[in-house]
Amino acid sequence: LDEDQDQRSLDFGLDHFTHAILFLGLAYGVEHPASGV
């Protein structure tokens, strides 16, 4: 019972950041594949 607006904002911001960064990491990995097998 200790939710506060700062915690919610941090959680909300990190949620959206993590979704974006995962897609960006995947996109970069597809565009610039590792050399070799």
PDB file of all heavy atoms in Angstrom:
ATOM      1  N   LEU A   1       0.823  -1.205   0.000  1.00  0.00           N
ATOM      2  CA  LEU A   1       0.000   0.000   0.000  1.00  0.00           C
ATOM      3  C   LEU A   1       0.862   1.262   0.000  1.00  0.00           C
ATOM      4  O   LEU A   1       0.531   2.258   0.649  1.00  0.00           O
ATOM      5  CB  LEU A   1      -0.969   0.012   1.195  1.00  0.00           C
ATOM      6  CG  LEU A   1      -1.920  -1.185   1.300  1.00  0.00           C
ATOM      7  CD1 LEU A   1      -2.762  -1.073   2.549  1.00  0.00           C
ATOM      8  CD2 LEU A   1      -2.782  -1.312   0.067  1.00  0.00           C
ATOM      9  N   ASP A   2       1.970   1.201  -0.727  1.00  0.00           N
ATOM     10  CA  ASP A   2       2.839   2.371  -0.783  1.00  0.00           C
ATOM     11  C   ASP A   2       3.141   2.798  -2.216  1.00  0.00           C
ATOM     12  O   ASP A   2       4.220   3.267  -2.529  1.00  0.00           O
ATOM     13  CB  ASP A   2       4.121   2.164   0.025  1.00  0.00           C
ATOM     14  CG  ASP A   2       5.053   1.107  -0.547  1.00  0.00           C
ATOM     15  OD1 ASP A   2       4.715   0.505  -1.573  1.00  0.00           O
ATOM     16  OD2 ASP A   2       6.138   0.918   0.037  1.00  0.00           O
ATOM     17  N   GLU A   3       2.139   2.647  -3.078  1.00  0.00           N
ATOM     18  CA  GLU A   3       2.300   3.153  -4.436  1.00  0.00           C
ATOM     19  C   GLU A   3       2.326   4.674  -4.382  1.00  0.00           C
ATOM     20  O   GLU A   3       1.575   5.293  -3.650  1.00  0.00           O
ATOM     21  CB  GLU A   3       1.124   2.732  -5.316  1.00  0.00           C
ATOM     22  CG  GLU A   3       1.090   1.260  -5.660  1.00  0.00           C
ATOM     23  CD  GLU A   3      -0.063   0.953  -6.587  1.00  0.00           C
ATOM     24  OE1 GLU A   3      -1.209   1.053  -6.133  1.00  0.00           O
ATOM     25  OE2 GLU A   3       0.190   0.623  -7.746  1.00  0.00           O
ATOM     26  N   ASP A   4       3.190   5.253  -5.163  1.00  0.00           N
ATOM     27  CA  ASP A   4       3.176   6.702  -5.292  1.00  0.00           C
ATOM     28  C   ASP A   4       3.393   7.071  -6.757  1.00  0.00           C
ATOM     29  O   ASP A   4       3.753   6.227  -7.576  1.00  0.00           O
ATOM     30  CB  ASP A   4       4.189   7.378  -4.367  1.00  0.00           C
ATOM     31  CG  ASP A   4       5.634   7.023  -4.676  1.00  0.00           C
ATOM     32  OD1 ASP A   4       5.947   6.659  -5.822  1.00  0.00           O
ATOM     33  OD2 ASP A   4       6.458   7.127  -3.759  1.00  0.00           O
ATOM     34  N   GLN A   5       3.173   8.318  -7.061  1.00  0.00           N
ATOM     35  CA  GLN A   5       3.236   8.763  -8.461  1.00  0.00           C
ATOM     36  C   GLN A   5       4.640   8.624  -9.039  1.00  0.00           C
ATOM     37  O   GLN A   5       4.798   8.287 -10.203  1.00  0.00           O
ATOM     38  CB  GLN A   5       2.745  10.212  -8.585  1.00  0.00           C
ATOM     39  CG  GLN A   5       2.563  10.654 -10.016  1.00  0.00           C
ATOM     40  CD  GLN A   5       1.591   9.762 -10.792  1.00  0.00           C
ATOM     41  OE1 GLN A   5       0.551   9.363 -10.291  1.00  0.00           O
ATOM     42  NE2 GLN A   5       1.949   9.421 -12.019  1.00  0.00           N
ATOM     43  N   ASP A   6       5.665   8.872  -8.237  1.00  0.00           N
ATOM     44  CA  ASP A   6       7.037   8.740  -8.727  1.00  0.00           C
ATOM     45  C   ASP A   6       7.333   7.292  -9.116  1.00  0.00           C
ATOM     46  O   ASP A   6       7.950   7.028 -10.150  1.00  0.00           O
ATOM     47  CB  ASP A   6       8.044   9.206  -7.678  1.00  0.00           C
ATOM     48  CG  ASP A   6       7.991  10.705  -7.457  1.00  0.00           C
ATOM     49  OD1 ASP A   6       7.509  11.432  -8.358  1.00  0.00           O
ATOM     50  OD2 ASP A   6       8.426  11.155  -6.378  1.00  0.00           O
ATOM     51  N   GLN A   7       6.911   6.337  -8.268  1.00  0.00           N
ATOM     52  CA  GLN A   7       7.111   4.918  -8.573  1.00  0.00           C
ATOM     53  C   GLN A   7       6.367   4.533  -9.839  1.00  0.00           C
ATOM     54  O   GLN A   7       6.900   3.859 -10.700  1.00  0.00           O
ATOM     55  CB  GLN A   7       6.650   4.052  -7.387  1.00  0.00           C
ATOM     56  CG  GLN A   7       6.287   2.612  -7.722  1.00  0.00           C
ATOM     57  CD  GLN A   7       7.411   1.784  -8.327  1.00  0.00           C
ATOM     58  OE1 GLN A   7       8.568   2.004  -8.045  1.00  0.00           O
ATOM     59  NE2 GLN A   7       7.057   0.835  -9.162  1.00  0.00           N
ATOM     60  N   ARG A   8       5.140   4.980  -9.957  1.00  0.00           N
ATOM     61  CA  ARG A   8       4.351   4.658 -11.153  1.00  0.00           C
ATOM     62  C   ARG A   8       4.992   5.234 -12.404  1.00  0.00           C
ATOM     63  O   ARG A   8       5.042   4.587 -13.444  1.00  0.00           O
ATOM     64  CB  ARG A   8       2.927   5.186 -11.014  1.00  0.00           C
ATOM     65  CG  ARG A   8       2.093   4.406 -10.043  1.00  0.00           C
ATOM     66  CD  ARG A   8       0.690   4.953  -9.991  1.00  0.00           C
ATOM     67  NE  ARG A   8      -0.049   4.313  -8.920  1.00  0.00           N
ATOM     68  CZ  ARG A   8      -1.166   4.782  -8.434  1.00  0.00           C
ATOM     69  NH1 ARG A   8      -1.686   5.893  -8.907  1.00  0.00           N
ATOM     70  NH2 ARG A   8      -1.779   4.156  -7.459  1.00  0.00           N
ATOM     71  N   SER A   9       5.482   6.463 -12.315  1.00  0.00           N
ATOM     72  CA  SER A   9       6.126   7.099 -13.473  1.00  0.00           C
ATOM     73  C   SER A   9       7.397   6.370 -13.864  1.00  0.00           C
ATOM     74  O   SER A   9       7.658   6.149 -15.056  1.00  0.00           O
ATOM     75  CB  SER A   9       6.443   8.560 -13.165  1.00  0.00           C
ATOM     76  OG  SER A   9       5.268   9.283 -12.935  1.00  0.00           O
ATOM     77  N   LEU A  10       8.194   5.998 -12.868  1.00  0.00           N
ATOM     78  CA  LEU A  10       9.423   5.242 -13.152  1.00  0.00           C
ATOM     79  C   LEU A  10       9.084   3.919 -13.811  1.00  0.00           C
ATOM     80  O   LEU A  10       9.681   3.552 -14.837  1.00  0.00           O
ATOM     81  CB  LEU A  10      10.210   5.005 -11.857  1.00  0.00           C
ATOM     82  CG  LEU A  10      11.449   4.118 -11.999  1.00  0.00           C
ATOM     83  CD1 LEU A  10      12.520   4.842 -12.815  1.00  0.00           C
ATOM     84  CD2 LEU A  10      11.985   3.736 -10.626  1.00  0.00           C
ATOM     85  N   ASP A  11       8.139   3.194 -13.253  1.00  0.00           N
ATOM     86  CA  ASP A  11       7.748   1.901 -13.806  1.00  0.00           C
ATOM     87  C   ASP A  11       7.203   2.048 -15.224  1.00  0.00           C
ATOM     88  O   ASP A  11       7.580   1.308 -16.126  1.00  0.00           O
ATOM     89  CB  ASP A  11       6.711   1.231 -12.899  1.00  0.00           C
ATOM     90  CG  ASP A  11       6.380  -0.187 -13.329  1.00  0.00           C
ATOM     91  OD1 ASP A  11       7.301  -0.933 -13.697  1.00  0.00           O
ATOM     92  OD2 ASP A  11       5.190  -0.544 -13.293  1.00  0.00           O
ATOM     93  N   PHE A  12       6.331   3.014 -15.425  1.00  0.00           N
ATOM     94  CA  PHE A  12       5.741   3.257 -16.739  1.00  0.00           C
ATOM     95  C   PHE A  12       6.822   3.604 -17.762  1.00  0.00           C
ATOM     96  O   PHE A  12       6.858   3.056 -18.868  1.00  0.00           O
ATOM     97  CB  PHE A  12       4.714   4.392 -16.634  1.00  0.00           C
ATOM     98  CG  PHE A  12       4.002   4.702 -17.911  1.00  0.00           C
ATOM     99  CD1 PHE A  12       2.959   3.906 -18.349  1.00  0.00           C
ATOM    100  CD2 PHE A  12       4.373   5.794 -18.681  1.00  0.00           C
ATOM    101  CE1 PHE A  12       2.290   4.189 -19.535  1.00  0.00           C
ATOM    102  CE2 PHE A  12       3.716   6.090 -19.860  1.00  0.00           C
ATOM    103  CZ  PHE A  12       2.674   5.285 -20.292  1.00  0.00           C
ATOM    104  N   GLY A  13       7.714   4.506 -17.388  1.00  0.00           N
ATOM    105  CA  GLY A  13       8.789   4.903 -18.301  1.00  0.00           C
ATOM    106  C   GLY A  13       9.725   3.756 -18.630  1.00  0.00           C
ATOM    107  O   GLY A  13      10.103   3.563 -19.790  1.00  0.00           O
ATOM    108  N   LEU A  14      10.113   2.993 -17.611  1.00  0.00           N
ATOM    109  CA  LEU A  14      11.004   1.853 -17.858  1.00  0.00           C
ATOM    110  C   LEU A  14      10.328   0.775 -18.695  1.00  0.00           C
ATOM    111  O   LEU A  14      10.980   0.133 -19.520  1.00  0.00           O
ATOM    112  CB  LEU A  14      11.509   1.272 -16.540  1.00  0.00           C
ATOM    113  CG  LEU A  14      12.640   2.036 -15.871  1.00  0.00           C
ATOM    114  CD1 LEU A  14      12.923   1.471 -14.489  1.00  0.00           C
ATOM    115  CD2 LEU A  14      13.892   2.018 -16.723  1.00  0.00           C
ATOM    116  N   ASP A  15       9.038   0.556 -18.489  1.00  0.00           N
ATOM    117  CA  ASP A  15       8.307  -0.422 -19.302  1.00  0.00           C
ATOM    118  C   ASP A  15       8.417  -0.065 -20.780  1.00  0.00           C
ATOM    119  O   ASP A  15       8.753  -0.908 -21.619  1.00  0.00           O
ATOM    120  CB  ASP A  15       6.831  -0.491 -18.911  1.00  0.00           C
ATOM    121  CG  ASP A  15       6.590  -1.195 -17.595  1.00  0.00           C
ATOM    122  OD1 ASP A  15       7.544  -1.797 -17.057  1.00  0.00           O
ATOM    123  OD2 ASP A  15       5.451  -1.136 -17.105  1.00  0.00           O
ATOM    124  N   HIS A  16       8.130   1.178 -21.098  1.00  0.00           N
ATOM    125  CA  HIS A  16       8.166   1.593 -22.503  1.00  0.00           C
ATOM    126  C   HIS A  16       9.591   1.624 -23.043  1.00  0.00           C
ATOM    127  O   HIS A  16       9.832   1.255 -24.195  1.00  0.00           O
ATOM    128  CB  HIS A  16       7.467   2.944 -22.676  1.00  0.00           C
ATOM    129  CG  HIS A  16       5.998   2.831 -22.488  1.00  0.00           C
ATOM    130  ND1 HIS A  16       5.174   2.224 -23.410  1.00  0.00           N
ATOM    131  CD2 HIS A  16       5.196   3.195 -21.462  1.00  0.00           C
ATOM    132  CE1 HIS A  16       3.935   2.232 -22.978  1.00  0.00           C
ATOM    133  NE2 HIS A  16       3.917   2.815 -21.785  1.00  0.00           N
ATOM    134  N   PHE A  17      10.533   2.030 -22.219  1.00  0.00           N
ATOM    135  CA  PHE A  17      11.931   2.034 -22.635  1.00  0.00           C
ATOM    136  C   PHE A  17      12.406   0.620 -22.942  1.00  0.00           C
ATOM    137  O   PHE A  17      13.067   0.382 -23.957  1.00  0.00           O
ATOM    138  CB  PHE A  17      12.805   2.672 -21.553  1.00  0.00           C
ATOM    139  CG  PHE A  17      14.267   2.561 -21.838  1.00  0.00           C
ATOM    140  CD1 PHE A  17      14.861   3.378 -22.786  1.00  0.00           C
ATOM    141  CD2 PHE A  17      15.044   1.639 -21.159  1.00  0.00           C
ATOM    142  CE1 PHE A  17      16.217   3.277 -23.059  1.00  0.00           C
ATOM    143  CE2 PHE A  17      16.403   1.529 -21.426  1.00  0.00           C
ATOM    144  CZ  PHE A  17      16.989   2.346 -22.381  1.00  0.00           C
ATOM    145  N   THR A  18      12.067  -0.344 -22.068  1.00  0.00           N
ATOM    146  CA  THR A  18      12.544  -1.713 -22.291  1.00  0.00           C
ATOM    147  C   THR A  18      11.929  -2.320 -23.547  1.00  0.00           C
ATOM    148  O   THR A  18      12.613  -3.036 -24.278  1.00  0.00           O
ATOM    149  CB  THR A  18      12.268  -2.622 -21.078  1.00  0.00           C
ATOM    150  OG1 THR A  18      10.883  -2.650 -20.796  1.00  0.00           O
ATOM    151  CG2 THR A  18      13.027  -2.170 -19.865  1.00  0.00           C
ATOM    152  N   HIS A  19      10.663  -2.028 -23.815  1.00  0.00           N
ATOM    153  CA  HIS A  19      10.066  -2.539 -25.051  1.00  0.00           C
ATOM    154  C   HIS A  19      10.797  -1.972 -26.256  1.00  0.00           C
ATOM    155  O   HIS A  19      11.139  -2.708 -27.198  1.00  0.00           O
ATOM    156  CB  HIS A  19       8.580  -2.188 -25.124  1.00  0.00           C
ATOM    157  CG  HIS A  19       7.766  -2.834 -24.046  1.00  0.00           C
ATOM    158  ND1 HIS A  19       6.691  -2.207 -23.469  1.00  0.00           N
ATOM    159  CD2 HIS A  19       7.871  -4.023 -23.423  1.00  0.00           C
ATOM    160  CE1 HIS A  19       6.174  -2.998 -22.549  1.00  0.00           C
ATOM    161  NE2 HIS A  19       6.874  -4.103 -22.504  1.00  0.00           N
ATOM    162  N   ALA A  20      11.054  -0.688 -26.235  1.00  0.00           N
ATOM    163  CA  ALA A  20      11.725  -0.047 -27.369  1.00  0.00           C
ATOM    164  C   ALA A  20      13.146  -0.567 -27.540  1.00  0.00           C
ATOM    165  O   ALA A  20      13.569  -0.881 -28.663  1.00  0.00           O
ATOM    166  CB  ALA A  20      11.739   1.468 -27.179  1.00  0.00           C
ATOM    167  N   ILE A  21      13.885  -0.680 -26.447  1.00  0.00           N
ATOM    168  CA  ILE A  21      15.288  -1.090 -26.552  1.00  0.00           C
ATOM    169  C   ILE A  21      15.414  -2.541 -27.021  1.00  0.00           C
ATOM    170  O   ILE A  21      16.336  -2.885 -27.754  1.00  0.00           O
ATOM    171  CB  ILE A  21      16.046  -0.818 -25.227  1.00  0.00           C
ATOM    172  CG1 ILE A  21      17.555  -0.838 -25.439  1.00  0.00           C
ATOM    173  CG2 ILE A  21      15.709  -1.822 -24.154  1.00  0.00           C
ATOM    174  CD1 ILE A  21      18.098   0.417 -26.001  1.00  0.00           C
ATOM    175  N   LEU A  22      14.471  -3.393 -26.617  1.00  0.00           N
ATOM    176  CA  LEU A  22      14.516  -4.779 -27.097  1.00  0.00           C
ATOM    177  C   LEU A  22      14.280  -4.849 -28.607  1.00  0.00           C
ATOM    178  O   LEU A  22      14.980  -5.569 -29.321  1.00  0.00           O
ATOM    179  CB  LEU A  22      13.495  -5.645 -26.347  1.00  0.00           C
ATOM    180  CG  LEU A  22      13.873  -6.017 -24.923  1.00  0.00           C
ATOM    181  CD1 LEU A  22      12.685  -6.597 -24.185  1.00  0.00           C
ATOM    182  CD2 LEU A  22      15.040  -6.987 -24.912  1.00  0.00           C
ATOM    183  N   PHE A  23      13.305  -4.083 -29.091  1.00  0.00           N
ATOM    184  CA  PHE A  23      13.062  -4.070 -30.537  1.00  0.00           C
ATOM    185  C   PHE A  23      14.229  -3.452 -31.293  1.00  0.00           C
ATOM    186  O   PHE A  23      14.600  -3.919 -32.376  1.00  0.00           O
ATOM    187  CB  PHE A  23      11.749  -3.350 -30.867  1.00  0.00           C
ATOM    188  CG  PHE A  23      10.545  -4.203 -30.638  1.00  0.00           C
ATOM    189  CD1 PHE A  23       9.652  -3.892 -29.624  1.00  0.00           C
ATOM    190  CD2 PHE A  23      10.301  -5.330 -31.408  1.00  0.00           C
ATOM    191  CE1 PHE A  23       8.537  -4.691 -29.394  1.00  0.00           C
ATOM    192  CE2 PHE A  23       9.193  -6.134 -31.185  1.00  0.00           C
ATOM    193  CZ  PHE A  23       8.310  -5.814 -30.181  1.00  0.00           C
ATOM    194  N   LEU A  24      14.824  -2.404 -30.739  1.00  0.00           N
ATOM    195  CA  LEU A  24      15.981  -1.798 -31.389  1.00  0.00           C
ATOM    196  C   LEU A  24      17.162  -2.761 -31.429  1.00  0.00           C
ATOM    197  O   LEU A  24      17.878  -2.843 -32.434  1.00  0.00           O
ATOM    198  CB  LEU A  24      16.378  -0.503 -30.689  1.00  0.00           C
ATOM    199  CG  LEU A  24      15.442   0.678 -30.891  1.00  0.00           C
ATOM    200  CD1 LEU A  24      15.831   1.833 -29.974  1.00  0.00           C
ATOM    201  CD2 LEU A  24      15.435   1.117 -32.342  1.00  0.00           C
ATOM    202  N   GLY A  25      17.383  -3.486 -30.339  1.00  0.00           N
ATOM    203  CA  GLY A  25      18.455  -4.477 -30.318  1.00  0.00           C
ATOM    204  C   GLY A  25      18.234  -5.568 -31.351  1.00  0.00           C
ATOM    205  O   GLY A  25      19.160  -5.974 -32.058  1.00  0.00           O
ATOM    206  N   LEU A  26      17.007  -6.037 -31.455  1.00  0.00           N
ATOM    207  CA  LEU A  26      16.690  -7.056 -32.452  1.00  0.00           C
ATOM    208  C   LEU A  26      16.879  -6.508 -33.866  1.00  0.00           C
ATOM    209  O   LEU A  26      17.479  -7.158 -34.729  1.00  0.00           O
ATOM    210  CB  LEU A  26      15.259  -7.557 -32.264  1.00  0.00           C
ATOM    211  CG  LEU A  26      14.767  -8.612 -33.246  1.00  0.00           C
ATOM    212  CD1 LEU A  26      15.641  -9.866 -33.191  1.00  0.00           C
ATOM    213  CD2 LEU A  26      13.319  -8.954 -32.963  1.00  0.00           C
ATOM    214  N   ALA A  27      16.390  -5.290 -34.114  1.00  0.00           N
ATOM    215  CA  ALA A  27      16.519  -4.689 -35.440  1.00  0.00           C
ATOM    216  C   ALA A  27      17.983  -4.503 -35.815  1.00  0.00           C
ATOM    217  O   ALA A  27      18.390  -4.805 -36.942  1.00  0.00           O
ATOM    218  CB  ALA A  27      15.791  -3.350 -35.481  1.00  0.00           C
ATOM    219  N   TYR A  28      18.794  -4.041 -34.878  1.00  0.00           N
ATOM    220  CA  TYR A  28      20.216  -3.859 -35.162  1.00  0.00           C
ATOM    221  C   TYR A  28      20.880  -5.203 -35.455  1.00  0.00           C
ATOM    222  O   TYR A  28      21.678  -5.322 -36.378  1.00  0.00           O
ATOM    223  CB  TYR A  28      20.915  -3.165 -33.992  1.00  0.00           C
ATOM    224  CG  TYR A  28      22.362  -2.873 -34.291  1.00  0.00           C
ATOM    225  CD1 TYR A  28      22.707  -1.701 -34.935  1.00  0.00           C
ATOM    226  CD2 TYR A  28      23.369  -3.771 -33.950  1.00  0.00           C
ATOM    227  CE1 TYR A  28      24.034  -1.422 -35.244  1.00  0.00           C
ATOM    228  CE2 TYR A  28      24.685  -3.519 -34.249  1.00  0.00           C
ATOM    229  CZ  TYR A  28      25.018  -2.338 -34.898  1.00  0.00           C
ATOM    230  OH  TYR A  28      26.325  -2.079 -35.205  1.00  0.00           O
ATOM    231  N   GLY A  29      20.541  -6.218 -34.657  1.00  0.00           N
ATOM    232  CA  GLY A  29      21.130  -7.542 -34.864  1.00  0.00           C
ATOM    233  C   GLY A  29      20.764  -8.141 -36.208  1.00  0.00           C
ATOM    234  O   GLY A  29      21.564  -8.840 -36.831  1.00  0.00           O
ATOM    235  N   VAL A  30      19.561  -7.875 -36.693  1.00  0.00           N
ATOM    236  CA  VAL A  30      19.146  -8.382 -38.005  1.00  0.00           C
ATOM    237  C   VAL A  30      19.858  -7.611 -39.110  1.00  0.00           C
ATOM    238  O   VAL A  30      20.310  -8.190 -40.095  1.00  0.00           O
ATOM    239  CB  VAL A  30      17.607  -8.290 -38.162  1.00  0.00           C
ATOM    240  CG1 VAL A  30      17.186  -8.549 -39.599  1.00  0.00           C
ATOM    241  CG2 VAL A  30      16.927  -9.278 -37.219  1.00  0.00           C
ATOM    242  N   GLU A  31      19.975  -6.313 -38.937  1.00  0.00           N
ATOM    243  CA  GLU A  31      20.609  -5.470 -39.967  1.00  0.00           C
ATOM    244  C   GLU A  31      22.123  -5.641 -40.014  1.00  0.00           C
ATOM    245  O   GLU A  31      22.737  -5.542 -41.071  1.00  0.00           O
ATOM    246  CB  GLU A  31      20.260  -3.999 -39.708  1.00  0.00           C
ATOM    247  CG  GLU A  31      20.725  -3.058 -40.780  1.00  0.00           C
ATOM    248  CD  GLU A  31      20.045  -3.276 -42.122  1.00  0.00           C
ATOM    249  OE1 GLU A  31      18.903  -3.771 -42.147  1.00  0.00           O
ATOM    250  OE2 GLU A  31      20.670  -2.954 -43.146  1.00  0.00           O
ATOM    251  N   HIS A  32      22.751  -5.905 -38.878  1.00  0.00           N
ATOM    252  CA  HIS A  32      24.206  -6.060 -38.791  1.00  0.00           C
ATOM    253  C   HIS A  32      24.515  -7.419 -38.159  1.00  0.00           C
ATOM    254  O   HIS A  32      24.921  -7.484 -37.002  1.00  0.00           O
ATOM    255  CB  HIS A  32      24.816  -4.944 -37.942  1.00  0.00           C
ATOM    256  CG  HIS A  32      24.534  -3.584 -38.467  1.00  0.00           C
ATOM    257  ND1 HIS A  32      23.435  -2.847 -38.056  1.00  0.00           N
ATOM    258  CD2 HIS A  32      25.187  -2.823 -39.373  1.00  0.00           C
ATOM    259  CE1 HIS A  32      23.437  -1.689 -38.682  1.00  0.00           C
ATOM    260  NE2 HIS A  32      24.484  -1.653 -39.495  1.00  0.00           N
ATOM    261  N   PRO A  33      24.322  -8.490 -38.916  1.00  0.00           N
ATOM    262  CA  PRO A  33      24.471  -9.835 -38.337  1.00  0.00           C
ATOM    263  C   PRO A  33      25.922 -10.131 -37.963  1.00  0.00           C
ATOM    264  O   PRO A  33      26.857  -9.552 -38.511  1.00  0.00           O
ATOM    265  CB  PRO A  33      23.999 -10.758 -39.449  1.00  0.00           C
ATOM    266  CG  PRO A  33      24.212  -9.979 -40.704  1.00  0.00           C
ATOM    267  CD  PRO A  33      23.991  -8.537 -40.336  1.00  0.00           C
ATOM    268  N   ALA A  34      26.060 -11.037 -37.022  1.00  0.00           N
ATOM    269  CA  ALA A  34      27.382 -11.498 -36.631  1.00  0.00           C
ATOM    270  C   ALA A  34      28.006 -12.228 -37.806  1.00  0.00           C
ATOM    271  O   ALA A  34      27.321 -12.892 -38.580  1.00  0.00           O
ATOM    272  CB  ALA A  34      27.265 -12.436 -35.436  1.00  0.00           C
ATOM    273  N   SER A  35      29.302 -12.071 -37.945  1.00  0.00           N
ATOM    274  CA  SER A  35      29.964 -12.778 -39.040  1.00  0.00           C
ATOM    275  C   SER A  35      30.090 -14.247 -38.671  1.00  0.00           C
ATOM    276  O   SER A  35      30.182 -14.618 -37.513  1.00  0.00           O
ATOM    277  CB  SER A  35      31.348 -12.184 -39.296  1.00  0.00           C
ATOM    278  OG  SER A  35      32.124 -12.269 -38.124  1.00  0.00           O
ATOM    279  N   GLY A  36      30.066 -15.077 -39.674  1.00  0.00           N
ATOM    280  CA  GLY A  36      30.205 -16.503 -39.438  1.00  0.00           C
ATOM    281  C   GLY A  36      28.862 -17.186 -39.226  1.00  0.00           C
ATOM    282  O   GLY A  36      27.806 -16.620 -39.455  1.00  0.00           O
ATOM    283  N   VAL A  37      28.932 -18.385 -38.764  1.00  0.00           N
ATOM    284  CA  VAL A  37      27.754 -19.227 -38.602  1.00  0.00           C
ATOM    285  C   VAL A  37      26.874 -18.694 -37.475  1.00  0.00           C
ATOM    286  O   VAL A  37      27.350 -18.252 -36.442  1.00  0.00           O
ATOM    287  CB  VAL A  37      28.179 -20.680 -38.282  1.00  0.00           C
ATOM    288  CG1 VAL A  37      26.976 -21.568 -38.047  1.00  0.00           C
ATOM    289  CG2 VAL A  37      29.043 -21.217 -39.402  1.00  0.00           C
TER     290      VAL A  37
END
